[in-house]
Amino acid sequence: MSKSFRDWHFDQRLLLPPSVQDFVPEDHLARLVVALVRDELELAAIYASSAGEKGQPPYHPAMMPALLL
């Protein structure tokens, strides 16, 4: 029986993966869209439709409308 390990990349240049927030300027339209979806849209129907526990966990309900817009 062999033991499996996580990958080790000794030549990795970043300690942590980069954040999308670091690459999007503060005044970019994408930040406004995400803020509007997160704070203003009524997402109760989407939350209710993803209440099941079968399969893999779904993406956050606010992410898909933000991506579409």
PDB file of N, CA and C in Angstrom:
ATOM      1  N   MET A   1       0.850  -1.180   0.000  1.00  0.00           N
ATOM      2  CA  MET A   1       0.000   0.000   0.000  1.00  0.00           C
ATOM      3  C   MET A   1       0.894   1.241   0.000  1.00  0.00           C
ATOM      4  N   SER A   2       0.726   2.101  -0.991  1.00  0.00           N
ATOM      5  CA  SER A   2       1.550   3.294  -1.079  1.00  0.00           C
ATOM      6  C   SER A   2       0.778   4.504  -0.575  1.00  0.00           C
ATOM      7  N   LYS A   3       1.502   5.436  -0.040  1.00  0.00           N
ATOM      8  CA  LYS A   3       0.904   6.665   0.481  1.00  0.00           C
ATOM      9  C   LYS A   3       0.963   7.739  -0.588  1.00  0.00           C
ATOM     10  N   SER A   4      -0.115   8.509  -0.761  1.00  0.00           N
ATOM     11  CA  SER A   4      -0.119   9.604  -1.730  1.00  0.00           C
ATOM     12  C   SER A   4       0.099  10.922  -1.006  1.00  0.00           C
ATOM     13  N   PHE A   5       0.799  11.814  -1.663  1.00  0.00           N
ATOM     14  CA  PHE A   5       1.118  13.114  -1.093  1.00  0.00           C
ATOM     15  C   PHE A   5       0.596  14.218  -1.993  1.00  0.00           C
ATOM     16  N   ARG A   6       0.454  15.397  -1.426  1.00  0.00           N
ATOM     17  CA  ARG A   6       0.118  16.577  -2.220  1.00  0.00           C
ATOM     18  C   ARG A   6       1.314  16.948  -3.079  1.00  0.00           C
ATOM     19  N   ASP A   7       1.042  17.581  -4.203  1.00  0.00           N
ATOM     20  CA  ASP A   7       2.123  18.023  -5.081  1.00  0.00           C
ATOM     21  C   ASP A   7       2.998  19.046  -4.379  1.00  0.00           C
ATOM     22  N   TRP A   8       4.282  18.972  -4.670  1.00  0.00           N
ATOM     23  CA  TRP A   8       5.231  19.923  -4.113  1.00  0.00           C
ATOM     24  C   TRP A   8       5.961  20.584  -5.265  1.00  0.00           C
ATOM     25  N   HIS A   9       5.843  21.904  -5.369  1.00  0.00           N
ATOM     26  CA  HIS A   9       6.483  22.670  -6.430  1.00  0.00           C
ATOM     27  C   HIS A   9       7.523  23.580  -5.786  1.00  0.00           C
ATOM     28  N   PHE A  10       8.747  23.117  -5.745  1.00  0.00           N
ATOM     29  CA  PHE A  10       9.781  23.882  -5.054  1.00  0.00           C
ATOM     30  C   PHE A  10      10.188  25.145  -5.792  1.00  0.00           C
ATOM     31  N   ASP A  11       9.815  25.262  -7.068  1.00  0.00           N
ATOM     32  CA  ASP A  11      10.151  26.461  -7.826  1.00  0.00           C
ATOM     33  C   ASP A  11       8.976  27.437  -7.921  1.00  0.00           C
ATOM     34  N   GLN A  12       7.970  27.259  -7.073  1.00  0.00           N
ATOM     35  CA  GLN A  12       6.808  28.146  -7.081  1.00  0.00           C
ATOM     36  C   GLN A  12       7.229  29.558  -6.670  1.00  0.00           C
ATOM     37  N   ARG A  13       6.816  30.554  -7.444  1.00  0.00           N
ATOM     38  CA  ARG A  13       7.251  31.924  -7.190  1.00  0.00           C
ATOM     39  C   ARG A  13       6.332  32.696  -6.252  1.00  0.00           C
ATOM     40  N   LEU A  14       5.086  32.281  -6.128  1.00  0.00           N
ATOM     41  CA  LEU A  14       4.141  32.985  -5.275  1.00  0.00           C
ATOM     42  C   LEU A  14       3.819  32.148  -4.044  1.00  0.00           C
ATOM     43  N   LEU A  15       3.744  32.795  -2.905  1.00  0.00           N
ATOM     44  CA  LEU A  15       3.380  32.085  -1.691  1.00  0.00           C
ATOM     45  C   LEU A  15       1.905  31.700  -1.729  1.00  0.00           C
ATOM     46  N   LEU A  16       1.070  32.618  -2.172  1.00  0.00           N
ATOM     47  CA  LEU A  16      -0.365  32.384  -2.283  1.00  0.00           C
ATOM     48  C   LEU A  16      -0.797  32.624  -3.724  1.00  0.00           C
ATOM     49  N   PRO A  17      -1.879  31.998  -4.172  1.00  0.00           N
ATOM     50  CA  PRO A  17      -2.346  32.283  -5.532  1.00  0.00           C
ATOM     51  C   PRO A  17      -2.831  33.726  -5.636  1.00  0.00           C
ATOM     52  N   PRO A  18      -2.681  34.337  -6.810  1.00  0.00           N
ATOM     53  CA  PRO A  18      -3.115  35.730  -6.962  1.00  0.00           C
ATOM     54  C   PRO A  18      -4.631  35.859  -6.842  1.00  0.00           C
ATOM     55  N   SER A  19      -5.059  36.984  -6.349  1.00  0.00           N
ATOM     56  CA  SER A  19      -6.476  37.280  -6.206  1.00  0.00           C
ATOM     57  C   SER A  19      -6.947  38.087  -7.417  1.00  0.00           C
ATOM     58  N   VAL A  20      -8.162  37.819  -7.870  1.00  0.00           N
ATOM     59  CA  VAL A  20      -8.728  38.587  -8.980  1.00  0.00           C
ATOM     60  C   VAL A  20      -8.816  40.064  -8.596  1.00  0.00           C
ATOM     61  N   GLN A  21      -9.069  40.343  -7.331  1.00  0.00           N
ATOM     62  CA  GLN A  21      -9.177  41.722  -6.862  1.00  0.00           C
ATOM     63  C   GLN A  21      -7.896  42.517  -7.129  1.00  0.00           C
ATOM     64  N   ASP A  22      -6.754  41.822  -7.150  1.00  0.00           N
ATOM     65  CA  ASP A  22      -5.482  42.507  -7.403  1.00  0.00           C
ATOM     66  C   ASP A  22      -5.346  42.973  -8.850  1.00  0.00           C
ATOM     67  N   PHE A  23      -6.084  42.352  -9.767  1.00  0.00           N
ATOM     68  CA  PHE A  23      -5.943  42.645 -11.184  1.00  0.00           C
ATOM     69  C   PHE A  23      -7.040  43.548 -11.737  1.00  0.00           C
ATOM     70  N   VAL A  24      -8.122  43.743 -10.987  1.00  0.00           N
ATOM     71  CA  VAL A  24      -9.240  44.567 -11.443  1.00  0.00           C
ATOM     72  C   VAL A  24      -9.119  45.944 -10.790  1.00  0.00           C
ATOM     73  N   PRO A  25      -9.037  47.009 -11.586  1.00  0.00           N
ATOM     74  CA  PRO A  25      -8.921  48.353 -11.012  1.00  0.00           C
ATOM     75  C   PRO A  25     -10.138  48.709 -10.148  1.00  0.00           C
ATOM     76  N   GLU A  26      -9.931  49.606  -9.222  1.00  0.00           N
ATOM     77  CA  GLU A  26     -10.984  50.014  -8.283  1.00  0.00           C
ATOM     78  C   GLU A  26     -12.200  50.606  -8.992  1.00  0.00           C
ATOM     79  N   ASP A  27     -12.001  51.304 -10.100  1.00  0.00           N
ATOM     80  CA  ASP A  27     -13.106  51.965 -10.794  1.00  0.00           C
ATOM     81  C   ASP A  27     -13.634  51.162 -11.984  1.00  0.00           C
ATOM     82  N   HIS A  28     -13.350  49.871 -12.052  1.00  0.00           N
ATOM     83  CA  HIS A  28     -13.787  49.028 -13.173  1.00  0.00           C
ATOM     84  C   HIS A  28     -15.271  48.701 -13.051  1.00  0.00           C
ATOM     85  N   LEU A  29     -15.947  48.590 -14.189  1.00  0.00           N
ATOM     86  CA  LEU A  29     -17.379  48.302 -14.235  1.00  0.00           C
ATOM     87  C   LEU A  29     -17.708  46.949 -13.586  1.00  0.00           C
ATOM     88  N   ALA A  30     -16.810  45.999 -13.649  1.00  0.00           N
ATOM     89  CA  ALA A  30     -17.065  44.677 -13.073  1.00  0.00           C
ATOM     90  C   ALA A  30     -17.310  44.760 -11.565  1.00  0.00           C
ATOM     91  N   ARG A  31     -16.634  45.662 -10.890  1.00  0.00           N
ATOM     92  CA  ARG A  31     -16.852  45.814  -9.443  1.00  0.00           C
ATOM     93  C   ARG A  31     -18.263  46.339  -9.152  1.00  0.00           C
ATOM     94  N   LEU A  32     -18.761  47.230  -9.993  1.00  0.00           N
ATOM     95  CA  LEU A  32     -20.127  47.744  -9.839  1.00  0.00           C
ATOM     96  C   LEU A  32     -21.142  46.633 -10.055  1.00  0.00           C
ATOM     97  N   VAL A  33     -20.944  45.822 -11.082  1.00  0.00           N
ATOM     98  CA  VAL A  33     -21.877  44.722 -11.372  1.00  0.00           C
ATOM     99  C   VAL A  33     -21.925  43.748 -10.200  1.00  0.00           C
ATOM    100  N   VAL A  34     -20.776  43.367  -9.684  1.00  0.00           N
ATOM    101  CA  VAL A  34     -20.743  42.429  -8.553  1.00  0.00           C
ATOM    102  C   VAL A  34     -21.423  43.043  -7.333  1.00  0.00           C
ATOM    103  N   ALA A  35     -21.190  44.308  -7.074  1.00  0.00           N
ATOM    104  CA  ALA A  35     -21.828  44.967  -5.928  1.00  0.00           C
ATOM    105  C   ALA A  35     -23.342  45.026  -6.098  1.00  0.00           C
ATOM    106  N   LEU A  36     -23.820  45.316  -7.303  1.00  0.00           N
ATOM    107  CA  LEU A  36     -25.264  45.368  -7.539  1.00  0.00           C
ATOM    108  C   LEU A  36     -25.911  43.997  -7.374  1.00  0.00           C
ATOM    109  N   VAL A  37     -25.277  42.961  -7.917  1.00  0.00           N
ATOM    110  CA  VAL A  37     -25.829  41.608  -7.789  1.00  0.00           C
ATOM    111  C   VAL A  37     -25.839  41.180  -6.328  1.00  0.00           C
ATOM    112  N   ARG A  38     -24.757  41.428  -5.630  1.00  0.00           N
ATOM    113  CA  ARG A  38     -24.626  40.998  -4.237  1.00  0.00           C
ATOM    114  C   ARG A  38     -25.584  41.752  -3.314  1.00  0.00           C
ATOM    115  N   ASP A  39     -25.765  43.048  -3.544  1.00  0.00           N
ATOM    116  CA  ASP A  39     -26.507  43.870  -2.594  1.00  0.00           C
ATOM    117  C   ASP A  39     -27.941  44.188  -3.010  1.00  0.00           C
ATOM    118  N   GLU A  40     -28.235  44.210  -4.304  1.00  0.00           N
ATOM    119  CA  GLU A  40     -29.528  44.710  -4.754  1.00  0.00           C
ATOM    120  C   GLU A  40     -30.469  43.659  -5.334  1.00  0.00           C
ATOM    121  N   LEU A  41     -29.965  42.616  -5.962  1.00  0.00           N
ATOM    122  CA  LEU A  41     -30.833  41.633  -6.595  1.00  0.00           C
ATOM    123  C   LEU A  41     -31.481  40.713  -5.563  1.00  0.00           C
ATOM    124  N   GLU A  42     -32.709  40.343  -5.824  1.00  0.00           N
ATOM    125  CA  GLU A  42     -33.431  39.391  -4.977  1.00  0.00           C
ATOM    126  C   GLU A  42     -33.119  37.989  -5.505  1.00  0.00           C
ATOM    127  N   LEU A  43     -32.334  37.241  -4.777  1.00  0.00           N
ATOM    128  CA  LEU A  43     -31.872  35.928  -5.225  1.00  0.00           C
ATOM    129  C   LEU A  43     -32.523  34.783  -4.450  1.00  0.00           C
ATOM    130  N   ALA A  44     -33.652  35.038  -3.794  1.00  0.00           N
ATOM    131  CA  ALA A  44     -34.299  34.011  -2.967  1.00  0.00           C
ATOM    132  C   ALA A  44     -34.703  32.787  -3.785  1.00  0.00           C
ATOM    133  N   ALA A  45     -35.181  32.981  -5.002  1.00  0.00           N
ATOM    134  CA  ALA A  45     -35.595  31.844  -5.834  1.00  0.00           C
ATOM    135  C   ALA A  45     -34.398  30.975  -6.208  1.00  0.00           C
ATOM    136  N   ILE A  46     -33.264  31.609  -6.451  1.00  0.00           N
ATOM    137  CA  ILE A  46     -32.066  30.839  -6.792  1.00  0.00           C
ATOM    138  C   ILE A  46     -31.561  30.084  -5.570  1.00  0.00           C
ATOM    139  N   TYR A  47     -31.585  30.733  -4.405  1.00  0.00           N
ATOM    140  CA  TYR A  47     -31.175  30.053  -3.174  1.00  0.00           C
ATOM    141  C   TYR A  47     -32.077  28.849  -2.903  1.00  0.00           C
ATOM    142  N   ALA A  48     -33.371  29.006  -3.118  1.00  0.00           N
ATOM    143  CA  ALA A  48     -34.322  27.925  -2.839  1.00  0.00           C
ATOM    144  C   ALA A  48     -34.130  26.753  -3.794  1.00  0.00           C
ATOM    145  N   SER A  49     -33.766  27.023  -5.038  1.00  0.00           N
ATOM    146  CA  SER A  49     -33.611  25.936  -6.003  1.00  0.00           C
ATOM    147  C   SER A  49     -32.346  25.131  -5.782  1.00  0.00           C
ATOM    148  N   SER A  50     -31.406  25.642  -5.024  1.00  0.00           N
ATOM    149  CA  SER A  50     -30.156  24.920  -4.784  1.00  0.00           C
ATOM    150  C   SER A  50     -30.089  24.373  -3.362  1.00  0.00           C
ATOM    151  N   ALA A  51     -31.237  24.009  -2.812  1.00  0.00           N
ATOM    152  CA  ALA A  51     -31.276  23.540  -1.428  1.00  0.00           C
ATOM    153  C   ALA A  51     -30.925  22.067  -1.280  1.00  0.00           C
ATOM    154  N   GLY A  52     -30.871  21.306  -2.367  1.00  0.00           N
ATOM    155  CA  GLY A  52     -30.579  19.881  -2.295  1.00  0.00           C
ATOM    156  C   GLY A  52     -29.150  19.600  -1.856  1.00  0.00           C
ATOM    157  N   GLU A  53     -28.946  18.419  -1.288  1.00  0.00           N
ATOM    158  CA  GLU A  53     -27.626  18.034  -0.810  1.00  0.00           C
ATOM    159  C   GLU A  53     -26.969  16.984  -1.693  1.00  0.00           C
ATOM    160  N   LYS A  54     -27.565  16.627  -2.819  1.00  0.00           N
ATOM    161  CA  LYS A  54     -26.996  15.594  -3.687  1.00  0.00           C
ATOM    162  C   LYS A  54     -25.933  16.178  -4.599  1.00  0.00           C
ATOM    163  N   GLY A  55     -24.953  15.367  -4.932  1.00  0.00           N
ATOM    164  CA  GLY A  55     -23.921  15.786  -5.868  1.00  0.00           C
ATOM    165  C   GLY A  55     -22.910  16.730  -5.250  1.00  0.00           C
ATOM    166  N   GLN A  56     -22.139  17.351  -6.113  1.00  0.00           N
ATOM    167  CA  GLN A  56     -21.114  18.293  -5.673  1.00  0.00           C
ATOM    168  C   GLN A  56     -21.768  19.587  -5.185  1.00  0.00           C
ATOM    169  N   PRO A  57     -21.127  20.305  -4.292  1.00  0.00           N
ATOM    170  CA  PRO A  57     -21.690  21.591  -3.848  1.00  0.00           C
ATOM    171  C   PRO A  57     -21.794  22.563  -5.020  1.00  0.00           C
ATOM    172  N   PRO A  58     -22.894  23.280  -5.132  1.00  0.00           N
ATOM    173  CA  PRO A  58     -23.050  24.219  -6.253  1.00  0.00           C
ATOM    174  C   PRO A  58     -22.230  25.487  -6.029  1.00  0.00           C
ATOM    175  N   TYR A  59     -22.069  26.245  -7.098  1.00  0.00           N
ATOM    176  CA  TYR A  59     -21.448  27.556  -6.971  1.00  0.00           C
ATOM    177  C   TYR A  59     -22.385  28.476  -6.198  1.00  0.00           C
ATOM    178  N   HIS A  60     -21.847  29.533  -5.658  1.00  0.00           N
ATOM    179  CA  HIS A  60     -22.657  30.487  -4.903  1.00  0.00           C
ATOM    180  C   HIS A  60     -23.715  31.077  -5.831  1.00  0.00           C
ATOM    181  N   PRO A  61     -24.969  31.198  -5.378  1.00  0.00           N
ATOM    182  CA  PRO A  61     -26.062  31.678  -6.232  1.00  0.00           C
ATOM    183  C   PRO A  61     -25.835  33.083  -6.802  1.00  0.00           C
ATOM    184  N   ALA A  62     -25.098  33.924  -6.166  1.00  0.00           N
ATOM    185  CA  ALA A  62     -24.887  35.273  -6.690  1.00  0.00           C
ATOM    186  C   ALA A  62     -23.811  35.301  -7.776  1.00  0.00           C
ATOM    187  N   MET A  63     -23.006  34.255  -7.873  1.00  0.00           N
ATOM    188  CA  MET A  63     -21.920  34.274  -8.847  1.00  0.00           C
ATOM    189  C   MET A  63     -22.421  34.183 -10.278  1.00  0.00           C
ATOM    190  N   MET A  64     -23.394  33.328 -10.538  1.00  0.00           N
ATOM    191  CA  MET A  64     -23.847  33.123 -11.916  1.00  0.00           C
ATOM    192  C   MET A  64     -24.519  34.373 -12.513  1.00  0.00           C
ATOM    193  N   PRO A  65     -25.438  35.053 -11.823  1.00  0.00           N
ATOM    194  CA  PRO A  65     -25.985  36.292 -12.398  1.00  0.00           C
ATOM    195  C   PRO A  65     -24.904  37.356 -12.614  1.00  0.00           C
ATOM    196  N   ALA A  66     -23.933  37.428 -11.702  1.00  0.00           N
ATOM    197  CA  ALA A  66     -22.856  38.399 -11.874  1.00  0.00           C
ATOM    198  C   ALA A  66     -22.033  38.085 -13.108  1.00  0.00           C
ATOM    199  N   LEU A  67     -21.775  36.814 -13.366  1.00  0.00           N
ATOM    200  CA  LEU A  67     -21.031  36.428 -14.565  1.00  0.00           C
ATOM    201  C   LEU A  67     -21.827  36.720 -15.832  1.00  0.00           C
ATOM    202  N   LEU A  68     -23.128  36.466 -15.800  1.00  0.00           N
ATOM    203  CA  LEU A  68     -23.957  36.717 -16.970  1.00  0.00           C
ATOM    204  C   LEU A  68     -24.067  38.205 -17.292  1.00  0.00           C
ATOM    205  N   LEU A  69     -24.149  39.016 -16.261  1.00  0.00           N
ATOM    206  CA  LEU A  69     -24.249  40.457 -16.490  1.00  0.00           C
ATOM    207  C   LEU A  69     -22.901  41.038 -16.867  1.00  0.00           C
TER     208      LEU A  69
END
